[in-house]
N, C-alpha and C. Protein backbone atom coordinates (compact mmCIF):
# COMPACT_ATOMS: atom_id res chain seq x y z
N MET A 1 -163.08 71.00 -75.51
CA MET A 1 -162.68 69.72 -74.97
C MET A 1 -163.11 69.58 -73.50
N LEU A 2 -162.95 70.66 -72.73
CA LEU A 2 -163.34 70.62 -71.33
C LEU A 2 -164.85 70.42 -71.20
N TYR A 3 -165.61 71.09 -72.06
CA TYR A 3 -167.06 70.95 -72.00
C TYR A 3 -167.48 69.54 -72.37
N ARG A 4 -166.81 68.92 -73.35
CA ARG A 4 -167.15 67.54 -73.72
C ARG A 4 -166.81 66.58 -72.58
N ALA A 5 -165.68 66.81 -71.91
CA ALA A 5 -165.33 65.98 -70.75
C ALA A 5 -166.36 66.15 -69.65
N SER A 6 -166.80 67.36 -69.43
CA SER A 6 -167.82 67.64 -68.43
C SER A 6 -169.13 66.93 -68.79
N HIS A 7 -169.50 67.00 -70.06
CA HIS A 7 -170.74 66.36 -70.50
C HIS A 7 -170.66 64.84 -70.33
N PHE A 8 -169.52 64.25 -70.70
CA PHE A 8 -169.33 62.81 -70.54
C PHE A 8 -169.43 62.43 -69.07
N TRP A 9 -168.73 63.19 -68.21
CA TRP A 9 -168.73 62.87 -66.77
C TRP A 9 -170.14 63.03 -66.19
N ALA A 10 -170.88 64.02 -66.63
CA ALA A 10 -172.25 64.22 -66.16
C ALA A 10 -173.12 63.03 -66.55
N ARG A 11 -172.93 62.51 -67.74
CA ARG A 11 -173.68 61.33 -68.17
C ARG A 11 -173.34 60.12 -67.29
N VAL A 12 -172.07 59.96 -66.96
CA VAL A 12 -171.65 58.87 -66.07
C VAL A 12 -172.30 59.04 -64.69
N GLU A 13 -172.28 60.27 -64.19
CA GLU A 13 -172.89 60.55 -62.89
C GLU A 13 -174.39 60.25 -62.89
N ILE A 14 -175.08 60.65 -63.94
CA ILE A 14 -176.52 60.38 -64.05
C ILE A 14 -176.79 58.88 -64.11
N PHE A 15 -175.98 58.15 -64.85
CA PHE A 15 -176.14 56.69 -64.95
C PHE A 15 -176.03 56.05 -63.57
N PHE A 16 -174.96 56.40 -62.84
CA PHE A 16 -174.76 55.79 -61.52
C PHE A 16 -175.79 56.29 -60.50
N ALA A 17 -176.20 57.54 -60.61
CA ALA A 17 -177.25 58.05 -59.72
C ALA A 17 -178.55 57.29 -59.96
N ALA A 18 -178.87 57.01 -61.21
CA ALA A 18 -180.09 56.24 -61.52
C ALA A 18 -179.98 54.81 -60.98
N ALA A 19 -178.82 54.20 -61.14
CA ALA A 19 -178.61 52.85 -60.61
C ALA A 19 -178.73 52.84 -59.09
N LEU A 20 -178.21 53.87 -58.45
CA LEU A 20 -178.32 53.96 -56.99
C LEU A 20 -179.75 54.21 -56.56
N ALA A 21 -180.50 54.98 -57.33
CA ALA A 21 -181.92 55.20 -57.02
C ALA A 21 -182.68 53.88 -57.09
N ALA A 22 -182.37 53.07 -58.09
CA ALA A 22 -182.99 51.75 -58.20
C ALA A 22 -182.59 50.86 -57.03
N SER A 23 -181.33 50.95 -56.63
CA SER A 23 -180.89 50.13 -55.50
C SER A 23 -181.54 50.57 -54.19
N VAL A 24 -181.76 51.87 -54.02
CA VAL A 24 -182.47 52.36 -52.83
C VAL A 24 -183.87 51.76 -52.78
N THR A 25 -184.55 51.79 -53.92
CA THR A 25 -185.89 51.21 -54.00
C THR A 25 -185.86 49.72 -53.66
N GLY A 26 -184.91 49.01 -54.24
CA GLY A 26 -184.77 47.58 -53.96
C GLY A 26 -184.45 47.29 -52.50
N LEU A 27 -183.56 48.08 -51.92
CA LEU A 27 -183.18 47.87 -50.52
C LEU A 27 -184.35 48.16 -49.58
N ILE A 28 -185.12 49.19 -49.87
CA ILE A 28 -186.28 49.50 -49.03
C ILE A 28 -187.33 48.41 -49.15
N LEU A 29 -187.55 47.92 -50.37
CA LEU A 29 -188.49 46.82 -50.57
C LEU A 29 -188.03 45.57 -49.83
N LEU A 30 -186.74 45.26 -49.92
CA LEU A 30 -186.18 44.13 -49.17
C LEU A 30 -186.38 44.31 -47.67
N ASN A 31 -186.18 45.52 -47.20
CA ASN A 31 -186.35 45.82 -45.78
C ASN A 31 -187.80 45.59 -45.35
N VAL A 32 -188.76 46.05 -46.15
CA VAL A 32 -190.17 45.88 -45.83
C VAL A 32 -190.52 44.39 -45.77
N ILE A 33 -190.06 43.66 -46.77
CA ILE A 33 -190.39 42.23 -46.84
C ILE A 33 -189.78 41.47 -45.66
N THR A 34 -188.51 41.72 -45.37
CA THR A 34 -187.86 40.97 -44.28
C THR A 34 -188.40 41.36 -42.91
N ARG A 35 -188.75 42.62 -42.72
CA ARG A 35 -189.35 43.03 -41.44
C ARG A 35 -190.74 42.43 -41.28
N ALA A 36 -191.51 42.41 -42.36
CA ALA A 36 -192.87 41.85 -42.29
C ALA A 36 -192.84 40.35 -41.99
N SER A 37 -191.79 39.69 -42.47
CA SER A 37 -191.68 38.25 -42.22
C SER A 37 -191.03 37.95 -40.87
N GLY A 38 -190.63 38.99 -40.15
CA GLY A 38 -190.02 38.80 -38.83
C GLY A 38 -188.54 38.46 -38.87
N ASN A 39 -187.90 38.63 -40.03
CA ASN A 39 -186.46 38.34 -40.18
C ASN A 39 -185.73 39.56 -40.72
N ALA A 40 -185.77 40.64 -39.98
CA ALA A 40 -185.17 41.90 -40.44
C ALA A 40 -183.67 41.75 -40.67
N ILE A 41 -183.21 42.35 -41.75
CA ILE A 41 -181.77 42.42 -42.04
C ILE A 41 -181.36 43.84 -41.70
N TYR A 42 -180.62 44.01 -40.62
CA TYR A 42 -180.40 45.34 -40.06
C TYR A 42 -179.48 46.23 -40.89
N TRP A 43 -178.59 45.66 -41.67
CA TRP A 43 -177.68 46.49 -42.45
C TRP A 43 -178.36 47.12 -43.66
N VAL A 44 -179.56 46.65 -44.02
CA VAL A 44 -180.24 47.16 -45.21
C VAL A 44 -180.60 48.64 -45.05
N ASP A 45 -181.04 49.05 -43.86
CA ASP A 45 -181.35 50.47 -43.62
C ASP A 45 -180.14 51.35 -43.91
N GLU A 46 -179.02 50.96 -43.35
CA GLU A 46 -177.81 51.75 -43.52
C GLU A 46 -177.35 51.76 -44.98
N ALA A 47 -177.44 50.63 -45.64
CA ALA A 47 -177.06 50.57 -47.05
C ALA A 47 -177.95 51.47 -47.89
N ALA A 48 -179.25 51.49 -47.61
CA ALA A 48 -180.17 52.36 -48.36
C ALA A 48 -179.83 53.83 -48.14
N ILE A 49 -179.49 54.18 -46.92
CA ILE A 49 -179.13 55.57 -46.62
C ILE A 49 -177.87 55.97 -47.37
N TYR A 50 -176.85 55.12 -47.34
CA TYR A 50 -175.60 55.45 -48.03
C TYR A 50 -175.79 55.49 -49.54
N ALA A 51 -176.62 54.61 -50.08
CA ALA A 51 -176.90 54.64 -51.52
C ALA A 51 -177.60 55.95 -51.88
N MET A 52 -178.51 56.40 -51.02
CA MET A 52 -179.22 57.65 -51.30
C MET A 52 -178.26 58.85 -51.21
N VAL A 53 -177.33 58.80 -50.27
CA VAL A 53 -176.35 59.88 -50.15
C VAL A 53 -175.49 59.95 -51.42
N TRP A 54 -174.98 58.82 -51.87
CA TRP A 54 -174.19 58.79 -53.10
C TRP A 54 -175.01 59.27 -54.28
N MET A 55 -176.26 58.80 -54.39
CA MET A 55 -177.14 59.21 -55.48
C MET A 55 -177.31 60.73 -55.49
N THR A 56 -177.54 61.30 -54.33
CA THR A 56 -177.77 62.73 -54.22
C THR A 56 -176.56 63.54 -54.66
N PHE A 57 -175.38 63.16 -54.20
CA PHE A 57 -174.19 63.92 -54.56
C PHE A 57 -173.84 63.76 -56.04
N LEU A 58 -174.01 62.57 -56.59
CA LEU A 58 -173.73 62.39 -58.01
C LEU A 58 -174.71 63.19 -58.86
N ALA A 59 -175.98 63.15 -58.50
CA ALA A 59 -176.99 63.91 -59.26
C ALA A 59 -176.77 65.42 -59.10
N ALA A 60 -176.37 65.86 -57.92
CA ALA A 60 -176.12 67.29 -57.71
C ALA A 60 -174.96 67.77 -58.57
N SER A 61 -173.93 66.96 -58.69
CA SER A 61 -172.81 67.33 -59.54
C SER A 61 -173.24 67.42 -61.00
N ALA A 62 -174.01 66.45 -61.45
CA ALA A 62 -174.51 66.48 -62.83
C ALA A 62 -175.42 67.68 -63.06
N ALA A 63 -176.18 68.06 -62.04
CA ALA A 63 -177.08 69.22 -62.17
C ALA A 63 -176.29 70.50 -62.41
N ILE A 64 -175.07 70.56 -61.90
CA ILE A 64 -174.23 71.73 -62.17
C ILE A 64 -173.91 71.79 -63.66
N HIS A 65 -173.58 70.66 -64.25
CA HIS A 65 -173.28 70.65 -65.69
C HIS A 65 -174.50 71.06 -66.51
N PHE A 66 -175.65 70.47 -66.19
CA PHE A 66 -176.86 70.72 -66.97
C PHE A 66 -177.55 72.03 -66.58
N ARG A 67 -177.00 72.71 -65.58
CA ARG A 67 -177.60 73.95 -65.08
C ARG A 67 -179.08 73.73 -64.77
N SER A 68 -179.35 72.62 -64.11
CA SER A 68 -180.74 72.25 -63.85
C SER A 68 -181.06 72.18 -62.37
N ALA A 69 -180.24 72.79 -61.54
CA ALA A 69 -180.50 72.80 -60.10
C ALA A 69 -181.70 73.70 -59.81
N ILE A 70 -182.34 73.43 -58.73
CA ILE A 70 -183.47 74.26 -58.32
C ILE A 70 -182.96 75.67 -58.03
N SER A 71 -183.69 76.66 -58.53
CA SER A 71 -183.26 78.04 -58.32
C SER A 71 -184.46 78.97 -58.29
N VAL A 72 -184.23 80.12 -57.69
CA VAL A 72 -185.23 81.18 -57.69
C VAL A 72 -184.88 82.09 -58.85
N THR A 73 -185.81 82.25 -59.78
CA THR A 73 -185.50 82.97 -61.02
C THR A 73 -186.24 84.28 -61.18
N ILE A 74 -186.84 84.78 -60.13
CA ILE A 74 -187.65 86.00 -60.25
C ILE A 74 -186.80 87.19 -60.71
N LEU A 75 -185.60 87.33 -60.15
CA LEU A 75 -184.73 88.43 -60.56
C LEU A 75 -184.28 88.23 -62.00
N ASN A 76 -183.91 87.01 -62.33
CA ASN A 76 -183.47 86.69 -63.68
C ASN A 76 -184.54 87.01 -64.72
N GLU A 77 -185.78 86.72 -64.39
CA GLU A 77 -186.88 86.95 -65.33
C GLU A 77 -187.20 88.43 -65.51
N MET A 78 -186.87 89.23 -64.52
CA MET A 78 -187.17 90.66 -64.59
C MET A 78 -186.10 91.45 -65.34
N LEU A 79 -184.90 90.88 -65.48
CA LEU A 79 -183.80 91.61 -66.09
C LEU A 79 -183.79 91.47 -67.61
N PRO A 80 -183.18 92.44 -68.30
CA PRO A 80 -182.99 92.28 -69.74
C PRO A 80 -181.93 91.20 -70.00
N ALA A 81 -181.76 90.85 -71.26
CA ALA A 81 -180.84 89.76 -71.64
C ALA A 81 -179.43 89.98 -71.11
N SER A 82 -178.92 91.21 -71.17
CA SER A 82 -177.55 91.46 -70.69
C SER A 82 -177.46 91.26 -69.18
N GLY A 83 -178.48 91.65 -68.46
CA GLY A 83 -178.51 91.45 -67.01
C GLY A 83 -178.57 89.97 -66.66
N ARG A 84 -179.36 89.21 -67.41
CA ARG A 84 -179.44 87.76 -67.19
C ARG A 84 -178.10 87.11 -67.44
N HIS A 85 -177.40 87.59 -68.47
CA HIS A 85 -176.08 87.05 -68.77
C HIS A 85 -175.13 87.23 -67.58
N TRP A 86 -175.11 88.43 -67.01
CA TRP A 86 -174.19 88.70 -65.91
C TRP A 86 -174.59 87.97 -64.63
N ILE A 87 -175.88 87.82 -64.41
CA ILE A 87 -176.34 87.04 -63.24
C ILE A 87 -175.91 85.59 -63.40
N ASN A 88 -176.08 85.05 -64.60
CA ASN A 88 -175.69 83.66 -64.85
C ASN A 88 -174.18 83.48 -64.71
N ARG A 89 -173.41 84.45 -65.15
CA ARG A 89 -171.94 84.38 -64.99
C ARG A 89 -171.57 84.41 -63.51
N PHE A 90 -172.27 85.25 -62.74
CA PHE A 90 -172.03 85.33 -61.30
C PHE A 90 -172.34 83.99 -60.62
N VAL A 91 -173.43 83.36 -61.03
CA VAL A 91 -173.80 82.05 -60.48
C VAL A 91 -172.73 81.02 -60.82
N ASP A 92 -172.28 81.00 -62.08
CA ASP A 92 -171.22 80.07 -62.49
C ASP A 92 -169.94 80.29 -61.69
N LEU A 93 -169.58 81.55 -61.49
CA LEU A 93 -168.39 81.86 -60.71
C LEU A 93 -168.55 81.45 -59.25
N THR A 94 -169.72 81.68 -58.69
CA THR A 94 -169.98 81.30 -57.30
C THR A 94 -169.86 79.79 -57.12
N ILE A 95 -170.41 79.03 -58.05
CA ILE A 95 -170.32 77.57 -57.96
C ILE A 95 -168.87 77.12 -58.12
N PHE A 96 -168.12 77.77 -59.00
CA PHE A 96 -166.70 77.44 -59.16
C PHE A 96 -165.92 77.71 -57.88
N VAL A 97 -166.17 78.85 -57.25
CA VAL A 97 -165.50 79.18 -55.98
C VAL A 97 -165.88 78.16 -54.91
N PHE A 98 -167.16 77.78 -54.86
CA PHE A 98 -167.60 76.75 -53.92
C PHE A 98 -166.85 75.44 -54.17
N ALA A 99 -166.70 75.04 -55.43
CA ALA A 99 -165.99 73.80 -55.76
C ALA A 99 -164.52 73.89 -55.32
N CYS A 100 -163.91 75.05 -55.51
CA CYS A 100 -162.52 75.24 -55.06
C CYS A 100 -162.42 75.13 -53.55
N LEU A 101 -163.38 75.71 -52.83
CA LEU A 101 -163.39 75.58 -51.37
C LEU A 101 -163.59 74.12 -50.95
N MET A 102 -164.38 73.38 -51.70
CA MET A 102 -164.59 71.97 -51.41
C MET A 102 -163.30 71.17 -51.61
N VAL A 103 -162.48 71.55 -52.58
CA VAL A 103 -161.17 70.89 -52.76
C VAL A 103 -160.36 71.08 -51.49
N TRP A 104 -160.31 72.29 -50.99
CA TRP A 104 -159.55 72.59 -49.78
C TRP A 104 -160.10 71.79 -48.59
N ILE A 105 -161.44 71.76 -48.45
CA ILE A 105 -162.05 71.02 -47.34
C ILE A 105 -161.73 69.54 -47.42
N CYS A 106 -161.81 68.97 -48.61
CA CYS A 106 -161.50 67.54 -48.77
C CYS A 106 -160.03 67.25 -48.45
N LEU A 107 -159.14 68.14 -48.87
CA LEU A 107 -157.72 67.95 -48.53
C LEU A 107 -157.50 68.02 -47.03
N ARG A 108 -158.20 68.92 -46.35
CA ARG A 108 -158.08 69.02 -44.89
C ARG A 108 -158.69 67.82 -44.19
N TRP A 109 -159.75 67.28 -44.75
CA TRP A 109 -160.46 66.17 -44.12
C TRP A 109 -159.76 64.84 -44.36
N PHE A 110 -159.41 64.55 -45.60
CA PHE A 110 -158.81 63.26 -45.93
C PHE A 110 -157.29 63.23 -45.68
N MET A 111 -156.65 64.37 -45.69
CA MET A 111 -155.23 64.53 -45.42
C MET A 111 -154.36 63.53 -46.20
N PRO A 112 -154.47 63.51 -47.53
CA PRO A 112 -153.72 62.51 -48.29
C PRO A 112 -152.20 62.68 -48.20
N LEU A 113 -151.72 63.92 -48.10
CA LEU A 113 -150.27 64.13 -48.00
C LEU A 113 -149.73 63.59 -46.68
N GLN A 114 -150.48 63.80 -45.60
CA GLN A 114 -150.04 63.28 -44.30
C GLN A 114 -150.09 61.75 -44.28
N LEU A 115 -151.08 61.17 -44.94
CA LEU A 115 -151.16 59.71 -45.02
C LEU A 115 -149.98 59.18 -45.82
N MET A 116 -149.61 59.87 -46.89
CA MET A 116 -148.46 59.46 -47.68
C MET A 116 -147.18 59.59 -46.86
N GLU A 117 -147.05 60.70 -46.09
CA GLU A 117 -145.88 60.89 -45.23
C GLU A 117 -145.76 59.81 -44.17
N ALA A 118 -146.91 59.26 -43.74
CA ALA A 118 -146.91 58.18 -42.75
C ALA A 118 -146.65 56.83 -43.41
N GLY A 119 -146.32 56.84 -44.69
CA GLY A 119 -146.02 55.59 -45.40
C GLY A 119 -147.25 54.75 -45.65
N TRP A 120 -148.40 55.40 -45.78
CA TRP A 120 -149.69 54.74 -46.00
C TRP A 120 -150.08 53.84 -44.83
N ASP A 121 -149.42 54.03 -43.70
CA ASP A 121 -149.72 53.27 -42.48
C ASP A 121 -150.82 54.03 -41.73
N VAL A 122 -152.01 53.45 -41.70
CA VAL A 122 -153.17 54.14 -41.11
C VAL A 122 -152.96 54.38 -39.62
N LYS A 123 -152.42 53.41 -38.91
CA LYS A 123 -152.22 53.58 -37.46
C LYS A 123 -151.21 54.69 -37.17
N ALA A 124 -150.13 54.76 -37.93
CA ALA A 124 -149.16 55.85 -37.75
C ALA A 124 -149.79 57.19 -38.11
N PHE A 125 -150.57 57.21 -39.17
CA PHE A 125 -151.28 58.42 -39.58
C PHE A 125 -152.20 58.90 -38.46
N GLN A 126 -152.98 57.98 -37.88
CA GLN A 126 -153.89 58.33 -36.79
C GLN A 126 -153.13 58.88 -35.58
N GLY A 127 -152.00 58.28 -35.27
CA GLY A 127 -151.21 58.73 -34.14
C GLY A 127 -150.62 60.12 -34.34
N GLN A 128 -150.28 60.44 -35.58
CA GLN A 128 -149.69 61.74 -35.88
C GLN A 128 -150.73 62.85 -36.01
N THR A 129 -151.91 62.51 -36.53
CA THR A 129 -152.89 63.55 -36.87
C THR A 129 -154.16 63.53 -36.02
N PHE A 130 -154.38 62.45 -35.28
CA PHE A 130 -155.63 62.24 -34.54
C PHE A 130 -156.83 62.28 -35.49
N ASN A 131 -156.61 61.89 -36.72
CA ASN A 131 -157.66 61.82 -37.73
C ASN A 131 -157.95 60.33 -37.94
N PHE A 132 -159.17 59.91 -37.62
CA PHE A 132 -159.54 58.51 -37.67
C PHE A 132 -160.43 58.19 -38.87
N ILE A 133 -160.35 59.02 -39.90
CA ILE A 133 -161.21 58.86 -41.07
C ILE A 133 -161.03 57.51 -41.76
N TYR A 134 -159.83 56.97 -41.74
CA TYR A 134 -159.56 55.72 -42.46
C TYR A 134 -159.83 54.47 -41.62
N ALA A 135 -160.21 54.63 -40.36
CA ALA A 135 -160.40 53.47 -39.50
C ALA A 135 -161.83 53.31 -38.98
N GLU A 136 -162.62 54.37 -39.01
CA GLU A 136 -163.96 54.32 -38.42
C GLU A 136 -164.89 53.44 -39.26
N PRO A 137 -165.49 52.42 -38.63
CA PRO A 137 -166.40 51.55 -39.40
C PRO A 137 -167.83 52.08 -39.39
N THR A 138 -168.60 51.62 -40.36
CA THR A 138 -170.03 51.91 -40.36
C THR A 138 -170.68 51.11 -39.24
N ASN A 139 -171.90 51.49 -38.87
CA ASN A 139 -172.55 50.87 -37.71
C ASN A 139 -172.93 49.41 -37.92
N THR A 140 -173.55 49.09 -39.05
CA THR A 140 -174.04 47.73 -39.24
C THR A 140 -173.40 46.99 -40.40
N ILE A 141 -172.94 47.70 -41.40
CA ILE A 141 -172.35 47.04 -42.57
C ILE A 141 -170.94 46.53 -42.25
N GLY A 142 -170.20 47.28 -41.43
CA GLY A 142 -168.84 46.88 -41.09
C GLY A 142 -167.80 47.39 -42.08
N LEU A 143 -168.22 48.19 -43.02
CA LEU A 143 -167.34 48.78 -44.01
C LEU A 143 -166.69 50.03 -43.41
N LYS A 144 -165.48 50.32 -43.80
CA LYS A 144 -164.84 51.56 -43.35
C LYS A 144 -165.62 52.74 -43.93
N LYS A 145 -165.91 53.74 -43.10
CA LYS A 145 -166.68 54.90 -43.54
C LYS A 145 -165.98 55.71 -44.62
N VAL A 146 -164.68 55.58 -44.71
CA VAL A 146 -163.96 56.34 -45.74
C VAL A 146 -164.47 55.98 -47.12
N TRP A 147 -164.90 54.74 -47.32
CA TRP A 147 -165.43 54.32 -48.62
C TRP A 147 -166.74 55.05 -48.92
N ILE A 148 -167.51 55.32 -47.89
CA ILE A 148 -168.76 56.06 -48.06
C ILE A 148 -168.44 57.54 -48.30
N TRP A 149 -167.50 58.05 -47.53
CA TRP A 149 -167.16 59.47 -47.60
C TRP A 149 -166.42 59.84 -48.88
N LEU A 150 -165.93 58.86 -49.63
CA LEU A 150 -165.24 59.18 -50.89
C LEU A 150 -166.15 59.87 -51.90
N VAL A 151 -167.45 59.86 -51.62
CA VAL A 151 -168.36 60.59 -52.51
C VAL A 151 -168.06 62.09 -52.46
N MET A 152 -167.53 62.57 -51.36
CA MET A 152 -167.24 64.00 -51.24
C MET A 152 -166.15 64.46 -52.22
N PRO A 153 -164.97 63.81 -52.25
CA PRO A 153 -163.99 64.24 -53.26
C PRO A 153 -164.48 63.97 -54.69
N LEU A 154 -165.27 62.91 -54.88
CA LEU A 154 -165.82 62.63 -56.20
C LEU A 154 -166.79 63.74 -56.62
N PHE A 155 -167.66 64.15 -55.72
CA PHE A 155 -168.57 65.26 -55.98
C PHE A 155 -167.77 66.54 -56.24
N THR A 156 -166.75 66.77 -55.44
CA THR A 156 -165.95 67.99 -55.56
C THR A 156 -165.27 68.07 -56.91
N LEU A 157 -164.68 66.96 -57.35
CA LEU A 157 -164.00 66.98 -58.66
C LEU A 157 -165.02 67.16 -59.79
N GLY A 158 -166.17 66.53 -59.66
CA GLY A 158 -167.22 66.73 -60.67
C GLY A 158 -167.71 68.16 -60.69
N ALA A 159 -167.94 68.73 -59.51
CA ALA A 159 -168.41 70.12 -59.43
C ALA A 159 -167.36 71.08 -59.99
N LEU A 160 -166.10 70.80 -59.72
CA LEU A 160 -165.01 71.64 -60.25
C LEU A 160 -164.96 71.54 -61.78
N LEU A 161 -165.06 70.34 -62.31
CA LEU A 161 -165.06 70.14 -63.76
C LEU A 161 -166.25 70.84 -64.40
N HIS A 162 -167.43 70.60 -63.87
CA HIS A 162 -168.65 71.16 -64.47
C HIS A 162 -168.69 72.69 -64.36
N SER A 163 -168.35 73.21 -63.20
CA SER A 163 -168.40 74.67 -63.05
C SER A 163 -167.31 75.35 -63.87
N GLY A 164 -166.15 74.72 -63.99
CA GLY A 164 -165.10 75.27 -64.85
C GLY A 164 -165.53 75.28 -66.31
N ALA A 165 -166.16 74.20 -66.75
CA ALA A 165 -166.65 74.13 -68.13
C ALA A 165 -167.75 75.17 -68.35
N ASN A 166 -168.63 75.35 -67.36
CA ASN A 166 -169.69 76.34 -67.50
C ASN A 166 -169.12 77.76 -67.55
N LEU A 167 -168.06 78.00 -66.78
CA LEU A 167 -167.43 79.33 -66.82
C LEU A 167 -166.80 79.62 -68.18
N LEU A 168 -166.16 78.61 -68.76
CA LEU A 168 -165.48 78.80 -70.04
C LEU A 168 -166.44 78.76 -71.23
N HIS A 169 -167.60 78.16 -71.03
CA HIS A 169 -168.60 78.06 -72.11
C HIS A 169 -169.95 78.54 -71.60
N PRO A 170 -170.09 79.83 -71.38
CA PRO A 170 -171.32 80.33 -70.74
C PRO A 170 -172.58 80.17 -71.58
N GLY A 171 -172.46 80.10 -72.89
CA GLY A 171 -173.63 80.02 -73.73
C GLY A 171 -174.18 78.61 -73.87
N LYS A 172 -173.38 77.61 -73.51
CA LYS A 172 -173.82 76.23 -73.69
C LYS A 172 -174.72 75.84 -72.53
N THR A 173 -175.86 75.35 -72.88
CA THR A 173 -176.77 74.78 -71.88
C THR A 173 -177.22 73.44 -72.40
N SER A 174 -176.94 72.41 -71.65
CA SER A 174 -177.34 71.07 -72.04
C SER A 174 -178.74 70.81 -71.55
N GLN A 175 -179.41 69.93 -72.21
CA GLN A 175 -180.73 69.49 -71.78
C GLN A 175 -180.59 68.12 -71.17
N VAL A 176 -181.28 67.87 -70.08
CA VAL A 176 -181.22 66.57 -69.41
C VAL A 176 -181.72 65.49 -70.36
N GLU A 177 -182.66 65.82 -71.25
CA GLU A 177 -183.19 64.83 -72.20
C GLU A 177 -182.09 64.32 -73.11
N ALA A 178 -181.01 65.11 -73.30
CA ALA A 178 -179.92 64.68 -74.18
C ALA A 178 -179.16 63.52 -73.59
N VAL A 179 -179.29 63.31 -72.30
CA VAL A 179 -178.62 62.19 -71.63
C VAL A 179 -179.35 60.95 -72.00
């Protein structure tokens, strides 16, 4: 069941990463056209950057599920099957530990418990913690940066799900073509 949930979530991540890749292309094309015509839209650069950041993190999380991240395989290729198995288990465990550390980092960064203790009042939260994550705006779009940064907990939860599924199902390897 966990592996099926991981596979479903990876497909969702790939879908949105592809949509964001298309939007990056569209935003860059819009930027070229408006700059060439002398009517530049300044927020387009920033929007393209944030779309690319989201695309990258979503695709990276899905790559954990599909075990398709870029890797150096020279040691793996030299080992017998049992050695490859243990190296792959070590990699799965390392990614799982990384995902667990990312949970801790996101909790320290977003401080949801402290925000809840402040009664969801952002100004009171800022005064108590000196954490301005919920108030800092983007440079040109005017959107709160927290909406952009939410990709981090989303990536973290995806990485935790995928690495946990990979640890519990070491023999399963999905193919990207199956998406």
